[in-house]
Each structure stands twice: as C-alpha cells, then as structure tokens.
Amino acid sequence: MANTNVTMRIDEKLKMQLQDLMSNLGMDMTTFFTLAAKQAVREQALPFQPRLINGNYDKKTYQLAMKNTKYNSEGKAVIDKDDEWRDETEWDDMFEQMKKERGI
C-alpha cells in the first residue's frame, strides 16, 4: 500500500508537548496519527471521547506514579506485599460480572 503525506497546522507548543509525550511512550508522531486514524476508521468514530471536564493527570503526577510503582524481575508492575490494597477484589469482582453479562 502506498503512503501519502498529510499536512496540518497545529499550535507549536502543543506539537512540542505531543512530541515529548510520544517520545516517552516510545513512538513518533507519525505512528500516533496512524494509530488514531486506523482506530477511527475501524470504529467509525472519534478515537477518543470529547469531554468538557479534564480528568487527566499532569506530568508531575504521572512521574510520581511511575516512581512509586514496584516492578518484578520480569519488569512487570506488581503490588507491593505490604500494600494495604493488595487484597482488594472489588474491581476483579466487577470485571468478572461484566464478563458474565457479555457471555465471555
């Protein structure tokens, strides 16, 4: 399949912020826009949910969460054995209920 160029205008500061984010996620902007386009076409909808309320966390919060995340020897995030939420099952129970309702 042949590729084509797409030209668009975007605020310079926003472009720099997006490039920084994509770099931190290990991808470039072309990959990001291609993923978004493929998802939009596949789902026949916007690849995100427009909202009036911004529920996103800022970069400082993200960095703090990353710093406090524990990883096992395989590099996978794990819950610390001393974490007070370790035995919490509410989300697991809800997920199992959703799977049953959908016949999964």
N, C-alpha and C. Protein backbone atom coordinates (compact mmCIF):
# COMPACT_ATOMS: atom_id res chain seq x y z
N MET A 1 0.85 -1.17 0.00
CA MET A 1 0.00 0.00 0.00
C MET A 1 0.89 1.24 0.00
N ALA A 2 0.60 2.16 -0.88
CA ALA A 2 1.41 3.37 -0.99
C ALA A 2 1.08 4.35 0.13
N ASN A 3 2.09 5.04 0.60
CA ASN A 3 1.91 6.06 1.63
C ASN A 3 1.73 7.41 0.96
N THR A 4 1.12 8.33 1.69
CA THR A 4 0.95 9.70 1.22
C THR A 4 1.24 10.65 2.37
N ASN A 5 1.59 11.87 2.05
CA ASN A 5 1.86 12.89 3.07
C ASN A 5 0.57 13.62 3.42
N VAL A 6 0.48 14.00 4.68
CA VAL A 6 -0.64 14.80 5.17
C VAL A 6 -0.04 16.02 5.83
N THR A 7 -0.51 17.19 5.45
CA THR A 7 -0.02 18.44 6.05
C THR A 7 -1.12 19.01 6.92
N MET A 8 -0.74 19.43 8.13
CA MET A 8 -1.72 20.02 9.04
C MET A 8 -1.08 21.12 9.87
N ARG A 9 -1.89 21.99 10.39
CA ARG A 9 -1.40 23.06 11.25
C ARG A 9 -1.77 22.71 12.69
N ILE A 10 -0.81 22.95 13.58
CA ILE A 10 -1.02 22.68 15.00
C ILE A 10 -0.20 23.70 15.79
N ASP A 11 -0.71 24.11 16.92
CA ASP A 11 -0.01 25.06 17.78
C ASP A 11 1.39 24.52 18.09
N GLU A 12 2.39 25.38 18.00
CA GLU A 12 3.78 24.96 18.18
C GLU A 12 4.04 24.34 19.56
N LYS A 13 3.48 24.95 20.59
CA LYS A 13 3.67 24.42 21.95
C LYS A 13 3.02 23.04 22.08
N LEU A 14 1.81 22.91 21.54
CA LEU A 14 1.11 21.63 21.58
C LEU A 14 1.90 20.56 20.83
N LYS A 15 2.46 20.92 19.69
CA LYS A 15 3.26 19.98 18.91
C LYS A 15 4.46 19.49 19.73
N MET A 16 5.13 20.40 20.40
CA MET A 16 6.30 20.03 21.20
C MET A 16 5.88 19.12 22.36
N GLN A 17 4.76 19.44 23.00
CA GLN A 17 4.27 18.61 24.10
C GLN A 17 3.90 17.21 23.61
N LEU A 18 3.27 17.14 22.44
CA LEU A 18 2.89 15.85 21.88
C LEU A 18 4.13 15.05 21.48
N GLN A 19 5.12 15.69 20.88
CA GLN A 19 6.35 15.01 20.53
C GLN A 19 7.04 14.44 21.77
N ASP A 20 7.06 15.22 22.83
CA ASP A 20 7.68 14.79 24.08
C ASP A 20 6.94 13.57 24.64
N LEU A 21 5.62 13.64 24.66
CA LEU A 21 4.81 12.53 25.16
C LEU A 21 5.04 11.27 24.32
N MET A 22 4.98 11.41 23.00
CA MET A 22 5.16 10.26 22.13
C MET A 22 6.55 9.66 22.30
N SER A 23 7.54 10.50 22.46
CA SER A 23 8.90 10.02 22.69
C SER A 23 8.97 9.21 23.98
N ASN A 24 8.31 9.71 25.03
CA ASN A 24 8.28 8.99 26.31
C ASN A 24 7.55 7.66 26.19
N LEU A 25 6.61 7.57 25.25
CA LEU A 25 5.87 6.34 25.03
C LEU A 25 6.54 5.42 24.01
N GLY A 26 7.66 5.89 23.46
CA GLY A 26 8.42 5.06 22.52
C GLY A 26 7.91 5.07 21.10
N MET A 27 7.25 6.14 20.69
CA MET A 27 6.78 6.22 19.31
C MET A 27 6.93 7.63 18.78
N ASP A 28 6.78 7.78 17.48
CA ASP A 28 6.85 9.11 16.89
C ASP A 28 5.44 9.59 16.55
N MET A 29 5.34 10.82 16.09
CA MET A 29 4.02 11.39 15.83
C MET A 29 3.34 10.72 14.63
N THR A 30 4.12 10.27 13.66
CA THR A 30 3.51 9.57 12.52
C THR A 30 2.81 8.31 12.99
N THR A 31 3.45 7.57 13.87
CA THR A 31 2.85 6.35 14.41
C THR A 31 1.59 6.69 15.20
N PHE A 32 1.65 7.75 16.01
CA PHE A 32 0.49 8.17 16.79
C PHE A 32 -0.69 8.50 15.89
N PHE A 33 -0.47 9.34 14.87
CA PHE A 33 -1.57 9.74 14.00
C PHE A 33 -2.08 8.56 13.17
N THR A 34 -1.19 7.66 12.78
CA THR A 34 -1.62 6.47 12.05
C THR A 34 -2.49 5.58 12.92
N LEU A 35 -2.08 5.38 14.18
CA LEU A 35 -2.89 4.59 15.12
C LEU A 35 -4.27 5.22 15.32
N ALA A 36 -4.29 6.54 15.52
CA ALA A 36 -5.56 7.24 15.73
C ALA A 36 -6.45 7.12 14.49
N ALA A 37 -5.86 7.26 13.31
CA ALA A 37 -6.63 7.17 12.07
C ALA A 37 -7.20 5.76 11.88
N LYS A 38 -6.37 4.74 12.13
CA LYS A 38 -6.83 3.36 11.98
C LYS A 38 -7.97 3.05 12.95
N GLN A 39 -7.84 3.53 14.18
CA GLN A 39 -8.90 3.29 15.16
C GLN A 39 -10.18 3.99 14.75
N ALA A 40 -10.08 5.23 14.28
CA ALA A 40 -11.26 5.97 13.86
C ALA A 40 -11.97 5.26 12.71
N VAL A 41 -11.21 4.79 11.73
CA VAL A 41 -11.80 4.10 10.59
C VAL A 41 -12.41 2.77 11.03
N ARG A 42 -11.70 2.01 11.85
CA ARG A 42 -12.17 0.71 12.31
C ARG A 42 -13.48 0.85 13.10
N GLU A 43 -13.54 1.85 13.98
CA GLU A 43 -14.71 2.01 14.86
C GLU A 43 -15.75 2.97 14.29
N GLN A 44 -15.40 3.64 13.18
CA GLN A 44 -16.29 4.63 12.59
C GLN A 44 -16.73 5.66 13.62
N ALA A 45 -15.74 6.14 14.38
CA ALA A 45 -15.98 7.11 15.45
C ALA A 45 -14.68 7.81 15.78
N LEU A 46 -14.76 8.86 16.57
CA LEU A 46 -13.55 9.50 17.05
C LEU A 46 -12.75 8.53 17.89
N PRO A 47 -11.42 8.59 17.81
CA PRO A 47 -10.60 7.66 18.59
C PRO A 47 -10.41 8.09 20.04
N PHE A 48 -11.27 8.97 20.52
CA PHE A 48 -11.22 9.47 21.89
C PHE A 48 -12.60 9.97 22.24
N GLN A 49 -12.85 10.21 23.53
CA GLN A 49 -14.15 10.72 23.96
C GLN A 49 -14.02 12.19 24.31
N PRO A 50 -14.63 13.08 23.52
CA PRO A 50 -14.59 14.50 23.86
C PRO A 50 -15.29 14.74 25.20
N ARG A 51 -14.66 15.52 26.05
CA ARG A 51 -15.22 15.81 27.37
C ARG A 51 -15.04 17.29 27.68
N LEU A 52 -15.96 17.83 28.45
CA LEU A 52 -15.83 19.21 28.89
C LEU A 52 -14.99 19.29 30.15
N ILE A 53 -14.97 18.23 30.94
CA ILE A 53 -14.20 18.21 32.18
C ILE A 53 -12.90 17.48 31.91
N ASN A 54 -11.79 18.10 32.26
CA ASN A 54 -10.48 17.49 32.06
C ASN A 54 -10.14 16.62 33.25
N GLY A 55 -10.13 15.32 33.06
CA GLY A 55 -9.81 14.39 34.14
C GLY A 55 -8.39 13.87 34.05
N ASN A 56 -7.57 14.47 33.20
CA ASN A 56 -6.20 13.99 33.02
C ASN A 56 -5.31 14.45 34.17
N TYR A 57 -4.34 13.61 34.48
CA TYR A 57 -3.35 13.96 35.48
C TYR A 57 -2.21 14.70 34.80
N ASP A 58 -1.55 15.56 35.54
CA ASP A 58 -0.44 16.30 34.95
C ASP A 58 0.83 15.46 34.95
N LYS A 59 1.86 15.96 34.30
CA LYS A 59 3.12 15.22 34.15
C LYS A 59 3.75 14.90 35.50
N LYS A 60 3.66 15.83 36.44
CA LYS A 60 4.25 15.61 37.76
C LYS A 60 3.58 14.42 38.46
N THR A 61 2.27 14.33 38.34
CA THR A 61 1.53 13.22 38.95
C THR A 61 1.93 11.90 38.29
N TYR A 62 2.06 11.91 36.96
CA TYR A 62 2.47 10.72 36.23
C TYR A 62 3.86 10.27 36.67
N GLN A 63 4.78 11.21 36.78
CA GLN A 63 6.14 10.87 37.20
C GLN A 63 6.16 10.30 38.62
N LEU A 64 5.34 10.85 39.50
CA LEU A 64 5.26 10.35 40.87
C LEU A 64 4.71 8.91 40.88
N ALA A 65 3.69 8.67 40.08
CA ALA A 65 3.13 7.32 39.99
C ALA A 65 4.17 6.34 39.47
N MET A 66 4.93 6.74 38.45
CA MET A 66 5.97 5.87 37.90
C MET A 66 7.05 5.59 38.94
N LYS A 67 7.41 6.60 39.70
CA LYS A 67 8.45 6.45 40.73
C LYS A 67 8.01 5.48 41.82
N ASN A 68 6.73 5.50 42.15
CA ASN A 68 6.21 4.68 43.24
C ASN A 68 5.74 3.29 42.79
N THR A 69 5.85 3.00 41.50
CA THR A 69 5.44 1.70 41.00
C THR A 69 6.55 0.69 41.24
N LYS A 70 6.17 -0.47 41.77
CA LYS A 70 7.13 -1.56 42.01
C LYS A 70 7.10 -2.50 40.81
N TYR A 71 8.27 -3.03 40.46
CA TYR A 71 8.37 -3.95 39.32
C TYR A 71 9.04 -5.25 39.76
N ASN A 72 8.61 -6.37 39.16
CA ASN A 72 9.24 -7.65 39.47
C ASN A 72 10.46 -7.84 38.57
N SER A 73 11.09 -9.00 38.66
CA SER A 73 12.32 -9.26 37.90
C SER A 73 12.08 -9.31 36.39
N GLU A 74 10.82 -9.51 35.99
CA GLU A 74 10.48 -9.53 34.57
C GLU A 74 10.12 -8.14 34.05
N GLY A 75 10.16 -7.14 34.93
CA GLY A 75 9.84 -5.77 34.52
C GLY A 75 8.36 -5.46 34.53
N LYS A 76 7.54 -6.35 35.08
CA LYS A 76 6.09 -6.12 35.14
C LYS A 76 5.73 -5.42 36.44
N ALA A 77 4.78 -4.49 36.36
CA ALA A 77 4.33 -3.78 37.55
C ALA A 77 3.62 -4.74 38.49
N VAL A 78 3.92 -4.66 39.77
CA VAL A 78 3.32 -5.53 40.77
C VAL A 78 2.89 -4.72 41.99
N ILE A 79 2.01 -5.31 42.77
CA ILE A 79 1.58 -4.67 44.01
C ILE A 79 2.53 -5.13 45.12
N ASP A 80 3.03 -4.18 45.86
CA ASP A 80 3.95 -4.48 46.95
C ASP A 80 3.26 -5.36 47.99
N LYS A 81 3.99 -6.31 48.58
CA LYS A 81 3.38 -7.24 49.55
C LYS A 81 2.83 -6.52 50.77
N ASP A 82 3.31 -5.32 51.06
CA ASP A 82 2.85 -4.56 52.22
C ASP A 82 1.74 -3.56 51.88
N ASP A 83 1.32 -3.52 50.62
CA ASP A 83 0.31 -2.56 50.19
C ASP A 83 -1.04 -2.90 50.83
N GLU A 84 -1.67 -1.90 51.46
CA GLU A 84 -2.94 -2.13 52.16
C GLU A 84 -4.07 -2.49 51.20
N TRP A 85 -3.92 -2.20 49.91
CA TRP A 85 -4.95 -2.50 48.92
C TRP A 85 -4.71 -3.83 48.22
N ARG A 86 -3.68 -4.56 48.62
CA ARG A 86 -3.28 -5.79 47.94
C ARG A 86 -4.41 -6.81 47.81
N ASP A 87 -5.22 -6.96 48.83
CA ASP A 87 -6.27 -7.97 48.82
C ASP A 87 -7.62 -7.44 48.35
N GLU A 88 -7.65 -6.21 47.84
CA GLU A 88 -8.89 -5.62 47.34
C GLU A 88 -9.37 -6.39 46.10
N THR A 89 -10.63 -6.78 46.08
CA THR A 89 -11.15 -7.57 44.96
C THR A 89 -12.33 -6.89 44.25
N GLU A 90 -12.70 -5.71 44.68
CA GLU A 90 -13.88 -5.06 44.12
C GLU A 90 -13.82 -4.96 42.60
N TRP A 91 -12.67 -4.49 42.07
CA TRP A 91 -12.55 -4.33 40.62
C TRP A 91 -12.55 -5.67 39.92
N ASP A 92 -11.89 -6.68 40.51
CA ASP A 92 -11.90 -8.01 39.92
C ASP A 92 -13.32 -8.57 39.87
N ASP A 93 -14.07 -8.36 40.95
CA ASP A 93 -15.45 -8.83 41.01
C ASP A 93 -16.31 -8.15 39.94
N MET A 94 -16.13 -6.84 39.78
CA MET A 94 -16.88 -6.10 38.77
C MET A 94 -16.52 -6.58 37.37
N PHE A 95 -15.25 -6.83 37.12
CA PHE A 95 -14.80 -7.30 35.81
C PHE A 95 -15.40 -8.67 35.51
N GLU A 96 -15.39 -9.56 36.48
CA GLU A 96 -15.97 -10.90 36.30
C GLU A 96 -17.47 -10.81 36.00
N GLN A 97 -18.16 -9.91 36.71
CA GLN A 97 -19.59 -9.72 36.47
C GLN A 97 -19.83 -9.21 35.05
N MET A 98 -19.01 -8.28 34.58
CA MET A 98 -19.15 -7.75 33.22
C MET A 98 -18.92 -8.86 32.19
N LYS A 99 -17.93 -9.71 32.43
CA LYS A 99 -17.66 -10.82 31.51
C LYS A 99 -18.84 -11.77 31.45
N LYS A 100 -19.45 -12.07 32.60
CA LYS A 100 -20.61 -12.95 32.63
C LYS A 100 -21.78 -12.35 31.85
N GLU A 101 -22.00 -11.05 32.02
CA GLU A 101 -23.10 -10.37 31.34
C GLU A 101 -22.91 -10.38 29.84
N ARG A 102 -21.67 -10.37 29.38
CA ARG A 102 -21.37 -10.36 27.95
C ARG A 102 -21.14 -11.76 27.38
N GLY A 103 -21.21 -12.76 28.25
CA GLY A 103 -21.03 -14.13 27.81
C GLY A 103 -19.60 -14.47 27.40
N ILE A 104 -18.65 -13.81 28.04
CA ILE A 104 -17.23 -14.02 27.70
C ILE A 104 -16.65 -15.12 28.57
